[in-house]
Amino acid sequence: MLLYLLERDPVGDGKTIKIGNARWGLKAHNLLTCNPEDLRFICLSYVWGSGTSPSPFEPDHYVSDRTAPALEAVVALRPTCKRIWVDAYCVPIEQVERNLTLQSMGYIYSNAEDVVTVLSSAAHPVIQQMAVSDRLEQDHLAILEKEEWVTRAWTYQEAVNSRCLSITCEGADSAIVDGDHLLDCVGYTLTRFKDPEAIAEAKRLYPNLDAFQDLIADHHIAAYQERPLLRHDGRHKHRVLELCNA
């Protein structure tokens, strides 16, 4: 299987894109002849949304218009990173290779040295608060409850299979926080609903965050490389079908 990665300052005459202050190009690595751990790459996790733009590498292929802002955020916060895996550019177009890559998503994410989740710009005040505190306000919970990443299919595979999970959001001045710290902040804030009626109300108001806690808790106890992507419920099938049919 070939693993395609975005690489900083590539050698050669291939197509490149500018991210931050550097040029980045795609490079294929044959996993039969190299150890993915030696590649030292970051995986990007984000929600595509409905907007699209032409791929800089495949002009006739359209990708999410949120890919570029997500990459900008990650490169700014991880300036020493030299290789990035992002689905919009690194999942091949050719169907056989594409299927192999989609079937190996857990393997790819588990071999990344860091999985960086990029939330929407709406999450900026939440990320800034988590960077300095172990608690959130109710309006922060409401913002996270609306974040698509919290409820999407790929969330489970990307989060649970990661060795290191980090959370940030779009925007040049965003902070970055550890995924476990996000769980602690959400969990601590939800525990402030103490009596049975208040707890029931919290579950009603924040059903996605309630389920998200279980998802990230799995990250604490994940002891093996890959888990079934569709382990939870049917809503997690959506992103798989979205990518396969793209």
Protein backbone atom coordinates (compact mmCIF):
# COMPACT_ATOMS: atom_id res chain seq x y z
CA MET A 1 0.00 0.00 0.00
CA LEU A 2 1.15 3.53 -0.77
CA LEU A 3 0.81 6.16 1.94
CA TYR A 4 0.58 9.68 0.51
CA LEU A 5 1.76 12.51 2.76
CA LEU A 6 2.02 16.26 2.39
CA GLU A 7 5.71 17.10 2.86
CA ARG A 8 7.34 20.45 3.55
CA ASP A 9 9.74 21.83 0.93
CA PRO A 10 9.49 18.84 -1.42
CA VAL A 11 12.29 18.01 -3.84
CA GLY A 12 11.23 17.82 -7.49
CA ASP A 13 8.95 19.57 -9.93
CA GLY A 14 5.59 18.24 -8.71
CA LYS A 15 2.62 20.41 -7.80
CA THR A 16 2.88 22.21 -4.46
CA ILE A 17 0.70 24.40 -2.25
CA LYS A 18 1.69 27.13 0.15
CA ILE A 19 0.87 26.53 3.80
CA GLY A 20 2.24 29.06 6.23
CA ASN A 21 5.65 30.17 4.98
CA ALA A 22 6.55 26.95 3.16
CA ARG A 23 5.67 24.99 0.05
CA TRP A 24 4.18 21.53 0.53
CA GLY A 25 3.84 18.70 -1.98
CA LEU A 26 2.50 15.14 -2.03
CA LYS A 27 4.92 12.23 -1.72
CA ALA A 28 4.06 8.52 -1.86
CA HIS A 29 5.66 6.10 0.62
CA ASN A 30 5.53 2.34 0.04
CA LEU A 31 4.58 0.74 3.36
CA LEU A 32 6.07 -2.57 2.20
CA THR A 33 9.53 -1.04 2.23
CA CYS A 34 9.34 1.59 4.98
CA ASN A 35 8.19 1.75 8.58
CA PRO A 36 5.43 4.35 9.05
CA GLU A 37 6.85 5.18 12.48
CA ASP A 38 10.00 6.44 10.77
CA LEU A 39 7.96 8.93 8.75
CA ARG A 40 6.90 10.99 11.79
CA PHE A 41 3.72 12.60 10.48
CA ILE A 42 0.66 14.39 11.87
CA CYS A 43 -2.91 13.45 10.95
CA LEU A 44 -5.50 16.14 10.48
CA SER A 45 -9.05 15.61 11.76
CA TYR A 46 -11.83 18.03 10.77
CA VAL A 47 -15.31 18.18 9.27
CA TRP A 48 -15.61 18.89 5.57
CA GLY A 49 -18.85 20.87 5.69
CA SER A 50 -20.84 21.67 2.53
CA GLY A 51 -18.49 24.08 0.77
CA THR A 52 -16.03 22.83 -1.85
CA SER A 53 -13.09 24.05 -3.91
CA PRO A 54 -10.89 22.47 -6.60
CA SER A 55 -8.02 20.36 -5.28
CA PRO A 56 -4.63 21.96 -6.01
CA PHE A 57 -3.31 18.51 -6.87
CA GLU A 58 -6.28 17.22 -8.91
CA PRO A 59 -8.05 20.23 -10.53
CA ASP A 60 -11.02 18.13 -11.66
CA HIS A 61 -11.51 16.82 -8.11
CA TYR A 62 -13.29 18.96 -5.53
CA VAL A 63 -12.46 18.92 -1.81
CA SER A 64 -13.68 20.73 1.28
CA ASP A 65 -13.05 24.45 1.40
CA ARG A 66 -12.23 23.94 5.09
CA THR A 67 -9.13 21.87 4.29
CA ALA A 68 -6.87 24.87 3.69
CA PRO A 69 -7.86 26.76 6.90
CA ALA A 70 -7.42 23.55 8.93
CA LEU A 71 -3.95 23.01 7.47
CA GLU A 72 -3.01 26.63 8.16
CA ALA A 73 -4.02 26.22 11.81
CA VAL A 74 -2.04 23.02 12.27
CA VAL A 75 1.13 24.28 10.58
CA ALA A 76 1.04 27.45 12.71
CA LEU A 77 0.71 25.43 15.92
CA ARG A 78 3.11 22.64 14.94
CA PRO A 79 5.88 24.61 13.16
CA THR A 80 8.41 21.75 13.30
CA CYS A 81 6.07 19.32 11.52
CA LYS A 82 7.44 18.13 8.17
CA ARG A 83 4.73 15.67 7.09
CA ILE A 84 0.92 15.80 7.30
CA TRP A 85 -1.79 13.33 6.35
CA VAL A 86 -5.09 14.98 5.42
CA ASP A 87 -7.88 13.06 3.72
CA ALA A 88 -8.74 15.70 1.09
CA TYR A 89 -5.28 15.47 -0.48
CA CYS A 90 -3.86 12.15 0.71
CA VAL A 91 -6.70 9.74 -0.12
CA PRO A 92 -5.93 8.68 -3.73
CA ILE A 93 -8.36 9.31 -6.56
CA GLU A 94 -7.83 5.93 -8.25
CA GLN A 95 -10.53 3.61 -6.91
CA VAL A 96 -8.43 0.58 -5.89
CA GLU A 97 -5.88 2.69 -4.01
CA ARG A 98 -8.70 4.79 -2.58
CA ASN A 99 -10.48 1.75 -1.17
CA LEU A 100 -7.25 0.41 0.35
CA THR A 101 -6.61 3.75 2.03
CA LEU A 102 -10.15 4.05 3.40
CA GLN A 103 -9.94 0.51 4.78
CA SER A 104 -6.65 1.44 6.51
CA MET A 105 -7.76 4.62 8.24
CA GLY A 106 -7.33 3.19 11.72
CA TYR A 107 -3.82 2.03 10.82
CA ILE A 108 -2.91 5.45 9.46
CA TYR A 109 -4.20 7.35 12.48
CA SER A 110 -2.60 4.94 14.95
CA ASN A 111 0.81 5.44 13.34
CA ALA A 112 0.69 9.24 13.40
CA GLU A 113 2.71 10.87 16.14
CA ASP A 114 -0.15 13.30 16.72
CA VAL A 115 -3.77 13.63 15.57
CA VAL A 116 -4.79 17.28 15.56
CA THR A 117 -8.51 18.01 15.51
CA VAL A 118 -9.43 21.38 14.02
CA LEU A 119 -12.85 22.61 15.12
CA SER A 120 -14.67 25.51 13.47
CA SER A 121 -13.84 29.12 14.30
CA ALA A 122 -16.99 29.19 16.48
CA ALA A 123 -15.11 27.06 19.03
CA HIS A 124 -12.41 29.72 19.52
CA PRO A 125 -13.64 30.96 22.95
CA VAL A 126 -13.94 27.35 24.15
CA ILE A 127 -10.38 26.45 23.14
CA GLN A 128 -9.02 29.65 24.70
CA GLN A 129 -10.85 28.88 27.95
CA MET A 130 -9.60 25.27 28.05
CA ALA A 131 -6.04 26.49 27.52
CA VAL A 132 -6.11 28.24 30.90
CA SER A 133 -8.75 26.38 32.93
CA ASP A 134 -10.17 22.98 33.81
CA ARG A 135 -13.78 24.09 33.60
CA LEU A 136 -16.16 25.53 31.03
CA GLU A 137 -19.23 27.72 31.21
CA GLN A 138 -22.63 26.57 29.97
CA ASP A 139 -22.35 28.73 26.87
CA HIS A 140 -19.13 26.86 26.03
CA LEU A 141 -20.99 23.55 26.31
CA ALA A 142 -23.62 24.90 23.93
CA ILE A 143 -20.92 25.78 21.39
CA LEU A 144 -19.31 22.34 21.59
CA GLU A 145 -22.71 20.64 21.37
CA LYS A 146 -23.17 22.25 17.94
CA GLU A 147 -19.71 21.31 16.62
CA GLU A 148 -20.17 18.79 13.80
CA TRP A 149 -16.88 17.05 14.62
CA VAL A 150 -18.37 15.87 17.92
CA THR A 151 -21.04 13.81 16.14
CA ARG A 152 -19.44 12.64 12.91
CA ALA A 153 -18.48 9.07 11.98
CA TRP A 154 -14.79 9.72 11.54
CA THR A 155 -14.54 11.14 15.07
CA TYR A 156 -14.56 7.68 16.61
CA GLN A 157 -11.82 6.19 14.47
CA GLU A 158 -9.60 9.26 14.47
CA ALA A 159 -9.82 9.85 18.22
CA VAL A 160 -9.64 6.32 19.57
CA ASN A 161 -6.84 5.14 17.31
CA SER A 162 -4.62 8.15 17.96
CA ARG A 163 -1.53 7.93 20.14
CA CYS A 164 -1.79 11.62 20.97
CA LEU A 165 -4.95 13.66 20.40
CA SER A 166 -4.84 17.46 20.29
CA ILE A 167 -7.69 19.92 19.79
CA THR A 168 -7.60 23.36 18.22
CA CYS A 169 -9.83 25.46 15.92
CA GLU A 170 -9.61 27.55 12.79
CA GLY A 171 -8.01 30.94 13.26
CA ALA A 172 -4.47 32.32 13.38
CA ASP A 173 -4.40 32.99 17.12
CA SER A 174 -6.00 29.77 18.36
CA ALA A 175 -4.55 27.78 21.23
CA ILE A 176 -4.14 24.00 21.19
CA VAL A 177 -5.15 21.66 24.02
CA ASP A 178 -4.72 17.98 24.80
CA GLY A 179 -7.70 15.77 23.93
CA ASP A 180 -7.75 14.33 27.44
CA HIS A 181 -7.90 17.85 28.85
CA LEU A 182 -10.98 18.52 26.72
CA LEU A 183 -12.61 15.44 28.24
CA ASP A 184 -11.69 16.64 31.72
CA CYS A 185 -13.13 20.10 31.08
CA VAL A 186 -16.39 18.78 29.63
CA GLY A 187 -16.71 16.10 32.31
CA TYR A 188 -16.01 18.50 35.18
CA THR A 189 -18.52 21.01 33.87
CA LEU A 190 -21.22 18.40 33.39
CA THR A 191 -20.69 17.07 36.94
CA ARG A 192 -21.83 20.45 38.22
CA PHE A 193 -25.35 19.27 37.36
CA LYS A 194 -25.69 17.36 40.61
CA ASP A 195 -29.30 16.45 41.35
CA PRO A 196 -31.13 13.87 39.19
CA GLU A 197 -33.34 16.46 37.52
CA ALA A 198 -30.36 18.66 36.62
CA ILE A 199 -28.44 15.66 35.25
CA ALA A 200 -31.42 14.64 33.13
CA GLU A 201 -31.70 18.20 31.86
CA ALA A 202 -27.97 18.26 30.98
CA LYS A 203 -28.36 15.04 28.99
CA ARG A 204 -31.32 16.56 27.18
CA LEU A 205 -29.49 19.80 26.40
CA TYR A 206 -26.15 18.21 25.47
CA PRO A 207 -26.80 14.71 24.07
CA ASN A 208 -23.86 14.92 21.68
CA LEU A 209 -21.40 15.87 24.41
CA ASP A 210 -22.79 13.13 26.63
CA ALA A 211 -21.96 10.57 23.92
CA PHE A 212 -18.68 12.32 23.14
CA GLN A 213 -17.47 11.75 26.69
CA ASP A 214 -17.75 8.00 26.13
CA LEU A 215 -15.88 8.29 22.85
CA ILE A 216 -12.90 10.15 24.30
CA ALA A 217 -12.93 7.92 27.38
CA ASP A 218 -12.25 5.04 25.00
CA HIS A 219 -9.08 6.89 24.02
CA HIS A 220 -7.82 6.45 27.60
CA ILE A 221 -8.21 2.68 27.53
CA ALA A 222 -7.48 1.89 23.88
CA ALA A 223 -4.98 -0.96 24.08
CA TYR A 224 -4.93 -2.14 20.53
CA GLN A 225 -4.35 -0.58 17.16
CA GLU A 226 -7.69 -0.60 15.38
CA ARG A 227 -11.33 -0.79 16.49
CA PRO A 228 -14.39 -1.28 14.29
CA LEU A 229 -15.44 2.10 12.94
CA LEU A 230 -19.15 1.27 13.11
CA ARG A 231 -19.12 -0.01 16.67
CA HIS A 232 -21.55 2.56 18.01
CA ASP A 233 -24.70 3.48 16.14
CA GLY A 234 -25.86 4.07 12.61
CA ARG A 235 -25.10 7.78 12.54
CA HIS A 236 -21.38 6.90 12.37
CA LYS A 237 -21.83 5.45 8.89
CA HIS A 238 -22.37 8.86 7.36
CA ARG A 239 -18.77 10.03 6.94
CA VAL A 240 -17.65 6.63 5.60
CA LEU A 241 -20.27 6.74 2.88
CA GLU A 242 -19.48 10.40 2.22
CA LEU A 243 -15.83 9.62 1.50
CA CYS A 244 -16.43 6.40 -0.42
CA ASN A 245 -18.94 8.08 -2.70
CA ALA A 246 -16.98 11.30 -3.20
